[in-house]
N, C-alpha and C. Protein backbone atom coordinates (compact mmCIF):
# COMPACT_ATOMS: atom_id res chain seq x y z
N UNK A 1 -18.30 13.29 -19.89
CA UNK A 1 -17.02 13.89 -19.41
C UNK A 1 -16.07 12.74 -19.09
N UNK A 2 -14.78 12.86 -19.51
CA UNK A 2 -13.89 11.89 -19.11
C UNK A 2 -13.25 12.33 -17.80
N UNK A 3 -12.77 11.23 -16.99
CA UNK A 3 -12.27 11.60 -15.68
C UNK A 3 -10.87 10.68 -15.50
N UNK A 4 -10.02 11.40 -15.12
CA UNK A 4 -8.67 10.72 -14.91
C UNK A 4 -7.94 11.11 -13.61
N UNK A 5 -7.44 9.96 -13.00
CA UNK A 5 -6.68 10.15 -11.74
C UNK A 5 -5.20 10.08 -12.05
N UNK A 6 -4.52 11.24 -11.47
CA UNK A 6 -3.27 11.51 -12.07
C UNK A 6 -2.19 11.02 -10.82
N UNK A 7 -1.11 10.42 -11.20
CA UNK A 7 -0.17 10.11 -10.24
C UNK A 7 0.97 10.94 -10.12
N UNK A 8 1.70 10.93 -8.85
CA UNK A 8 2.62 12.05 -8.63
C UNK A 8 3.71 12.00 -9.73
N UNK A 9 4.04 10.81 -10.27
CA UNK A 9 5.23 10.97 -11.16
C UNK A 9 4.90 11.78 -12.36
N UNK A 10 3.66 11.71 -12.73
CA UNK A 10 3.24 12.64 -13.90
C UNK A 10 3.29 14.09 -13.54
N UNK A 11 2.71 14.35 -12.22
CA UNK A 11 2.65 15.72 -11.85
C UNK A 11 4.10 16.25 -11.74
N UNK A 12 5.05 15.49 -11.38
CA UNK A 12 6.54 15.94 -11.15
C UNK A 12 6.94 16.34 -12.46
N UNK A 13 6.69 15.53 -13.49
CA UNK A 13 7.26 15.73 -14.82
C UNK A 13 6.60 17.09 -15.28
N UNK A 14 5.26 17.25 -15.08
CA UNK A 14 4.59 18.43 -15.60
C UNK A 14 5.14 19.79 -14.87
N UNK A 15 5.38 19.52 -13.61
CA UNK A 15 5.97 20.73 -12.66
C UNK A 15 7.38 21.07 -13.21
N UNK A 16 8.20 20.04 -13.76
CA UNK A 16 9.59 20.16 -14.11
C UNK A 16 9.49 20.74 -15.62
N UNK A 17 8.54 20.51 -16.37
CA UNK A 17 8.41 20.88 -17.80
C UNK A 17 9.54 20.26 -18.65
N UNK A 18 9.91 19.06 -18.35
CA UNK A 18 10.92 18.56 -19.24
C UNK A 18 10.52 17.58 -20.34
N UNK A 19 9.40 16.76 -20.06
CA UNK A 19 8.87 15.77 -20.96
C UNK A 19 7.87 16.33 -21.83
N UNK A 20 8.31 16.67 -23.01
CA UNK A 20 7.33 17.34 -24.06
C UNK A 20 6.08 16.53 -24.34
N UNK A 21 6.14 15.27 -24.28
CA UNK A 21 4.93 14.32 -24.51
C UNK A 21 4.01 14.50 -23.45
N UNK A 22 4.40 14.50 -22.22
CA UNK A 22 3.53 14.46 -21.15
C UNK A 22 3.04 15.86 -21.11
N UNK A 23 3.83 16.84 -21.24
CA UNK A 23 3.32 18.46 -21.39
C UNK A 23 2.34 18.50 -22.25
N UNK A 24 2.38 17.97 -23.58
CA UNK A 24 1.28 18.07 -24.63
C UNK A 24 -0.04 17.43 -24.10
N UNK A 25 0.15 16.21 -23.60
CA UNK A 25 -1.00 15.56 -23.17
C UNK A 25 -1.61 16.30 -22.06
N UNK A 26 -0.85 16.75 -20.99
CA UNK A 26 -1.52 17.77 -19.96
C UNK A 26 -2.25 18.92 -20.58
N UNK A 27 -1.71 19.60 -21.55
CA UNK A 27 -2.22 20.80 -22.18
C UNK A 27 -3.62 20.31 -22.76
N UNK A 28 -3.63 19.16 -23.43
CA UNK A 28 -4.71 18.71 -24.19
C UNK A 28 -5.91 18.43 -23.21
N UNK A 29 -5.49 17.72 -21.99
CA UNK A 29 -6.74 17.22 -21.06
C UNK A 29 -7.03 18.37 -20.25
N UNK A 30 -6.11 19.39 -20.04
CA UNK A 30 -6.45 20.53 -18.94
C UNK A 30 -7.36 21.52 -19.70
N UNK A 31 -7.41 21.49 -21.10
CA UNK A 31 -8.11 22.55 -21.77
C UNK A 31 -9.37 21.82 -22.40
N UNK A 32 -9.57 20.59 -22.13
CA UNK A 32 -10.64 19.81 -22.75
C UNK A 32 -11.67 19.55 -21.52
N UNK A 33 -12.57 18.60 -21.84
CA UNK A 33 -13.47 18.25 -21.03
C UNK A 33 -13.32 16.99 -20.10
N UNK A 34 -12.11 17.12 -19.53
CA UNK A 34 -11.71 15.94 -18.73
C UNK A 34 -11.49 16.54 -17.30
N UNK A 35 -12.16 15.68 -16.45
CA UNK A 35 -11.98 16.10 -14.97
C UNK A 35 -10.74 15.43 -14.48
N UNK A 36 -9.79 16.21 -13.85
CA UNK A 36 -8.54 15.66 -13.49
C UNK A 36 -8.52 15.57 -11.84
N UNK A 37 -8.44 14.50 -11.47
CA UNK A 37 -8.54 14.05 -9.94
C UNK A 37 -7.07 13.58 -9.49
N UNK A 38 -6.67 13.90 -8.33
CA UNK A 38 -5.63 13.55 -7.52
C UNK A 38 -6.01 12.79 -6.23
N UNK A 39 -5.11 12.13 -5.76
CA UNK A 39 -5.32 11.54 -4.57
C UNK A 39 -4.61 12.27 -3.26
N UNK A 40 -5.15 12.37 -2.10
CA UNK A 40 -4.39 12.95 -0.94
C UNK A 40 -2.91 12.27 -0.93
N UNK A 41 -2.79 11.08 -1.30
CA UNK A 41 -1.48 10.41 -1.17
C UNK A 41 -0.54 11.10 -2.21
N UNK A 42 -1.01 11.33 -3.32
CA UNK A 42 -0.40 12.09 -4.38
C UNK A 42 0.16 13.56 -3.76
N UNK A 43 -0.77 14.13 -3.20
CA UNK A 43 -0.45 15.44 -2.70
C UNK A 43 0.58 15.32 -1.63
N UNK A 44 0.54 14.34 -0.84
CA UNK A 44 1.50 14.10 0.28
C UNK A 44 3.05 13.71 -0.30
N UNK A 45 3.01 12.96 -1.45
CA UNK A 45 4.28 12.66 -2.12
C UNK A 45 4.86 13.84 -2.53
N UNK A 46 4.00 14.58 -3.29
CA UNK A 46 4.54 15.90 -3.86
C UNK A 46 5.07 16.88 -2.80
N UNK A 47 4.42 17.06 -1.65
CA UNK A 47 4.78 18.03 -0.68
C UNK A 47 5.86 17.50 0.08
N UNK A 48 6.20 16.21 0.04
CA UNK A 48 7.34 15.60 0.70
C UNK A 48 8.69 16.07 0.08
N UNK A 49 8.53 16.26 -1.29
CA UNK A 49 9.83 16.64 -1.92
C UNK A 49 9.94 18.05 -2.51
N UNK A 50 9.01 18.98 -2.11
CA UNK A 50 8.95 20.16 -2.62
C UNK A 50 10.08 21.05 -2.00
N UNK A 51 10.39 21.99 -2.68
CA UNK A 51 11.50 22.73 -2.19
C UNK A 51 10.87 24.18 -1.97
N UNK A 52 11.26 25.01 -1.04
CA UNK A 52 10.58 26.14 -0.66
C UNK A 52 10.22 27.19 -2.06
N UNK A 53 11.16 27.22 -2.76
CA UNK A 53 10.93 28.09 -4.08
C UNK A 53 9.82 27.56 -4.93
N UNK A 54 9.43 26.27 -4.70
CA UNK A 54 8.44 25.60 -5.53
C UNK A 54 7.06 25.68 -5.02
N UNK A 55 7.04 26.15 -3.74
CA UNK A 55 5.65 26.04 -3.03
C UNK A 55 4.51 26.71 -3.92
N UNK A 56 4.68 27.76 -4.56
CA UNK A 56 3.62 28.57 -5.28
C UNK A 56 3.16 27.71 -6.52
N UNK A 57 4.24 27.28 -7.19
CA UNK A 57 3.88 26.57 -8.41
C UNK A 57 3.17 25.38 -8.05
N UNK A 58 3.54 24.67 -7.10
CA UNK A 58 2.89 23.37 -6.65
C UNK A 58 1.39 23.64 -6.11
N UNK A 59 1.17 24.74 -5.54
CA UNK A 59 -0.07 25.18 -5.08
C UNK A 59 -0.94 25.42 -6.23
N UNK A 60 -0.43 26.22 -7.39
CA UNK A 60 -1.20 26.47 -8.49
C UNK A 60 -1.38 25.20 -9.29
N UNK A 61 -0.60 24.33 -9.37
CA UNK A 61 -0.77 23.06 -10.09
C UNK A 61 -1.92 22.20 -9.29
N UNK A 62 -1.84 22.14 -8.11
CA UNK A 62 -2.88 21.30 -7.43
C UNK A 62 -4.14 21.89 -7.41
N UNK A 63 -4.27 23.26 -7.63
CA UNK A 63 -5.61 24.05 -7.69
C UNK A 63 -6.21 23.66 -8.89
N UNK A 64 -5.59 23.15 -9.88
CA UNK A 64 -6.13 22.73 -11.28
C UNK A 64 -6.87 21.45 -11.24
N UNK A 65 -6.92 20.68 -10.05
CA UNK A 65 -7.39 19.48 -9.96
C UNK A 65 -8.33 19.33 -8.73
N UNK A 66 -9.07 18.23 -8.66
CA UNK A 66 -9.95 17.96 -7.67
C UNK A 66 -9.33 16.89 -6.81
N UNK A 67 -9.13 16.91 -5.67
CA UNK A 67 -8.54 15.81 -4.75
C UNK A 67 -9.73 14.84 -4.18
N UNK A 68 -9.70 13.68 -4.60
CA UNK A 68 -10.77 12.72 -4.28
C UNK A 68 -10.42 12.08 -2.92
N UNK A 69 -11.25 12.07 -1.96
CA UNK A 69 -11.00 11.57 -0.72
C UNK A 69 -10.82 10.08 -0.68
N UNK A 70 -10.05 9.63 0.35
CA UNK A 70 -9.86 8.13 0.61
C UNK A 70 -10.79 7.78 1.69
N UNK A 71 -11.60 6.74 1.59
CA UNK A 71 -12.43 6.28 2.58
C UNK A 71 -12.31 4.91 2.90
N UNK A 72 -13.16 4.33 3.83
CA UNK A 72 -12.87 2.88 4.45
C UNK A 72 -13.01 1.86 3.16
N UNK A 73 -13.87 2.08 2.20
CA UNK A 73 -13.86 1.14 0.99
C UNK A 73 -12.61 1.17 0.28
N UNK A 74 -11.92 2.26 0.11
CA UNK A 74 -10.71 2.37 -0.63
C UNK A 74 -9.57 1.74 0.33
N UNK A 75 -9.67 1.97 1.58
CA UNK A 75 -8.72 1.35 2.52
C UNK A 75 -8.76 -0.04 2.56
N UNK A 76 -9.94 -0.68 2.44
CA UNK A 76 -10.01 -2.30 2.43
C UNK A 76 -9.50 -2.77 1.19
N UNK A 77 -9.75 -2.04 0.07
CA UNK A 77 -9.38 -2.53 -1.24
C UNK A 77 -7.77 -2.31 -1.37
N UNK A 78 -7.20 -1.31 -0.74
CA UNK A 78 -5.82 -0.94 -0.66
C UNK A 78 -5.13 -2.29 0.03
N UNK A 79 -5.81 -2.60 1.24
CA UNK A 79 -5.38 -3.75 1.94
C UNK A 79 -5.31 -5.07 1.33
N UNK A 80 -6.46 -5.24 0.52
CA UNK A 80 -6.53 -6.52 -0.34
C UNK A 80 -5.35 -6.52 -1.29
N UNK A 81 -5.06 -5.34 -1.97
CA UNK A 81 -3.95 -5.20 -2.86
C UNK A 81 -2.44 -5.57 -2.31
N UNK A 82 -2.26 -5.05 -0.95
CA UNK A 82 -1.06 -5.12 -0.28
C UNK A 82 -0.89 -6.69 0.10
N UNK A 83 -1.96 -7.33 0.35
CA UNK A 83 -1.97 -8.75 0.89
C UNK A 83 -1.58 -9.51 -0.34
N UNK A 84 -2.08 -9.12 -1.54
CA UNK A 84 -1.76 -9.78 -2.81
C UNK A 84 -0.46 -9.58 -3.55
N UNK A 85 -0.06 -8.23 -3.53
CA UNK A 85 1.17 -7.89 -4.33
C UNK A 85 2.26 -7.39 -3.57
N UNK A 86 2.33 -7.23 -2.13
CA UNK A 86 3.30 -6.56 -1.50
C UNK A 86 4.51 -7.31 -1.71
N UNK A 87 4.61 -8.63 -1.50
CA UNK A 87 5.83 -9.45 -1.56
C UNK A 87 6.21 -9.71 -3.14
N UNK A 88 5.20 -10.04 -3.93
CA UNK A 88 5.64 -10.31 -5.21
C UNK A 88 6.10 -9.24 -6.06
N UNK A 89 5.46 -8.09 -5.85
CA UNK A 89 5.76 -6.88 -6.71
C UNK A 89 6.27 -5.61 -5.98
N UNK A 90 6.51 -5.85 -4.65
CA UNK A 90 6.97 -4.82 -3.67
C UNK A 90 6.05 -3.59 -3.64
N UNK A 91 4.79 -3.81 -3.74
CA UNK A 91 3.77 -2.86 -3.68
C UNK A 91 3.85 -1.98 -2.31
N UNK A 92 3.87 -0.65 -2.50
CA UNK A 92 3.88 0.18 -1.25
C UNK A 92 2.52 0.73 -0.96
N UNK A 93 2.26 1.09 0.18
CA UNK A 93 0.99 1.51 0.63
C UNK A 93 0.43 2.73 -0.24
N UNK A 94 1.28 3.56 -0.53
CA UNK A 94 0.86 4.71 -1.26
C UNK A 94 0.20 4.22 -2.77
N UNK A 95 0.94 3.52 -3.37
CA UNK A 95 0.50 2.90 -4.63
C UNK A 95 -0.78 2.14 -4.54
N UNK A 96 -0.89 1.40 -3.51
CA UNK A 96 -2.08 0.56 -3.15
C UNK A 96 -3.45 1.33 -2.91
N UNK A 97 -3.05 2.52 -2.26
CA UNK A 97 -4.18 3.45 -2.03
C UNK A 97 -4.65 4.23 -3.43
N UNK A 98 -3.71 4.47 -4.18
CA UNK A 98 -3.97 5.28 -5.38
C UNK A 98 -4.66 4.08 -6.32
N UNK A 99 -4.09 2.86 -6.29
CA UNK A 99 -4.74 2.01 -7.21
C UNK A 99 -6.21 1.53 -6.68
N UNK A 100 -6.37 1.47 -5.44
CA UNK A 100 -7.69 1.23 -4.96
C UNK A 100 -8.71 2.40 -5.20
N UNK A 101 -8.26 3.55 -5.25
CA UNK A 101 -9.05 4.72 -5.64
C UNK A 101 -9.51 4.66 -7.02
N UNK A 102 -8.45 4.42 -7.83
CA UNK A 102 -8.86 4.04 -9.35
C UNK A 102 -9.73 3.05 -9.58
N UNK A 103 -9.68 1.89 -8.76
CA UNK A 103 -10.54 0.73 -9.11
C UNK A 103 -11.86 1.05 -8.49
N UNK A 104 -12.08 1.62 -7.25
CA UNK A 104 -13.31 1.74 -6.61
C UNK A 104 -14.22 2.72 -7.47
N UNK A 105 -13.51 3.74 -7.86
CA UNK A 105 -14.16 4.85 -8.54
C UNK A 105 -14.28 4.77 -10.20
N UNK A 106 -13.66 3.62 -10.50
CA UNK A 106 -13.63 3.25 -11.99
C UNK A 106 -13.05 4.28 -12.83
N UNK A 107 -11.82 4.79 -12.41
CA UNK A 107 -11.06 5.90 -13.02
C UNK A 107 -9.89 5.42 -13.71
N UNK A 108 -9.64 5.93 -14.81
CA UNK A 108 -8.40 5.72 -15.54
C UNK A 108 -7.24 6.37 -14.83
N UNK A 109 -6.12 5.59 -14.50
CA UNK A 109 -4.96 6.24 -13.92
C UNK A 109 -3.88 6.65 -14.89
N UNK A 110 -3.40 7.89 -14.58
CA UNK A 110 -2.39 8.28 -15.62
C UNK A 110 -1.21 8.30 -14.67
N UNK A 111 -0.12 7.33 -15.12
CA UNK A 111 1.00 7.15 -14.41
C UNK A 111 2.05 6.71 -15.41
N UNK A 112 3.43 7.01 -15.12
CA UNK A 112 4.51 6.74 -15.98
C UNK A 112 5.05 5.20 -15.46
N UNK A 113 4.45 4.81 -14.29
CA UNK A 113 5.09 3.67 -13.63
C UNK A 113 4.00 2.53 -13.63
N UNK A 114 3.66 1.92 -14.81
CA UNK A 114 2.75 0.93 -14.91
C UNK A 114 3.05 -0.47 -13.94
N UNK A 115 4.35 -0.60 -13.85
CA UNK A 115 4.83 -1.70 -13.18
C UNK A 115 4.56 -1.60 -11.68
N UNK A 116 4.20 -0.50 -11.17
CA UNK A 116 3.93 -0.17 -9.80
C UNK A 116 2.45 -0.72 -9.53
N UNK A 117 1.72 -0.98 -10.73
CA UNK A 117 0.13 -1.07 -10.55
C UNK A 117 -0.08 -2.55 -11.29
N UNK A 118 0.34 -3.67 -10.58
CA UNK A 118 0.12 -4.96 -11.37
C UNK A 118 -1.34 -5.40 -11.34
N UNK A 119 -2.28 -4.70 -10.62
CA UNK A 119 -3.67 -5.13 -10.53
C UNK A 119 -4.32 -5.07 -11.90
N UNK A 120 -5.02 -6.28 -12.17
CA UNK A 120 -5.75 -6.41 -13.37
C UNK A 120 -6.85 -5.67 -13.48
N UNK A 121 -7.38 -4.98 -12.50
CA UNK A 121 -8.72 -4.11 -12.60
C UNK A 121 -8.54 -2.63 -12.74
N UNK A 122 -7.03 -2.27 -12.97
CA UNK A 122 -6.76 -0.92 -13.13
C UNK A 122 -6.66 -0.54 -14.61
N UNK A 123 -7.43 0.51 -15.04
CA UNK A 123 -7.28 0.84 -16.59
C UNK A 123 -6.22 2.18 -16.48
N UNK A 124 -5.51 2.20 -17.40
CA UNK A 124 -4.54 3.32 -17.59
C UNK A 124 -5.05 4.45 -18.63
N UNK A 125 -4.61 5.54 -18.32
CA UNK A 125 -4.99 6.60 -19.38
C UNK A 125 -3.93 6.83 -20.24
């Protein structure tokens, strides 16, 4: 079984339904043998910008995924990434935590913003 960690930018595009390439890929993986994971960071980012009339759709979208927890190991790795890339690449904590989750659990990351993830040990979906 394939496993993918999905970033908030991809989920925003899926919820808006505007990018046909992302929607087609989402359709393929959501009906295949792919385990789709998200981070609690991604959930927070999505809820930060949700409008009241979008609550039900967001809840339904998030219900199709498994939320992988953040633990101390992920926190340490994110801290290492912040120390290494915060100044040079303007890495933010949210992206560091998502990258650390992908790295620690050996997950492919599905994101549209590859430049947010300059780490060499991140594999993209």
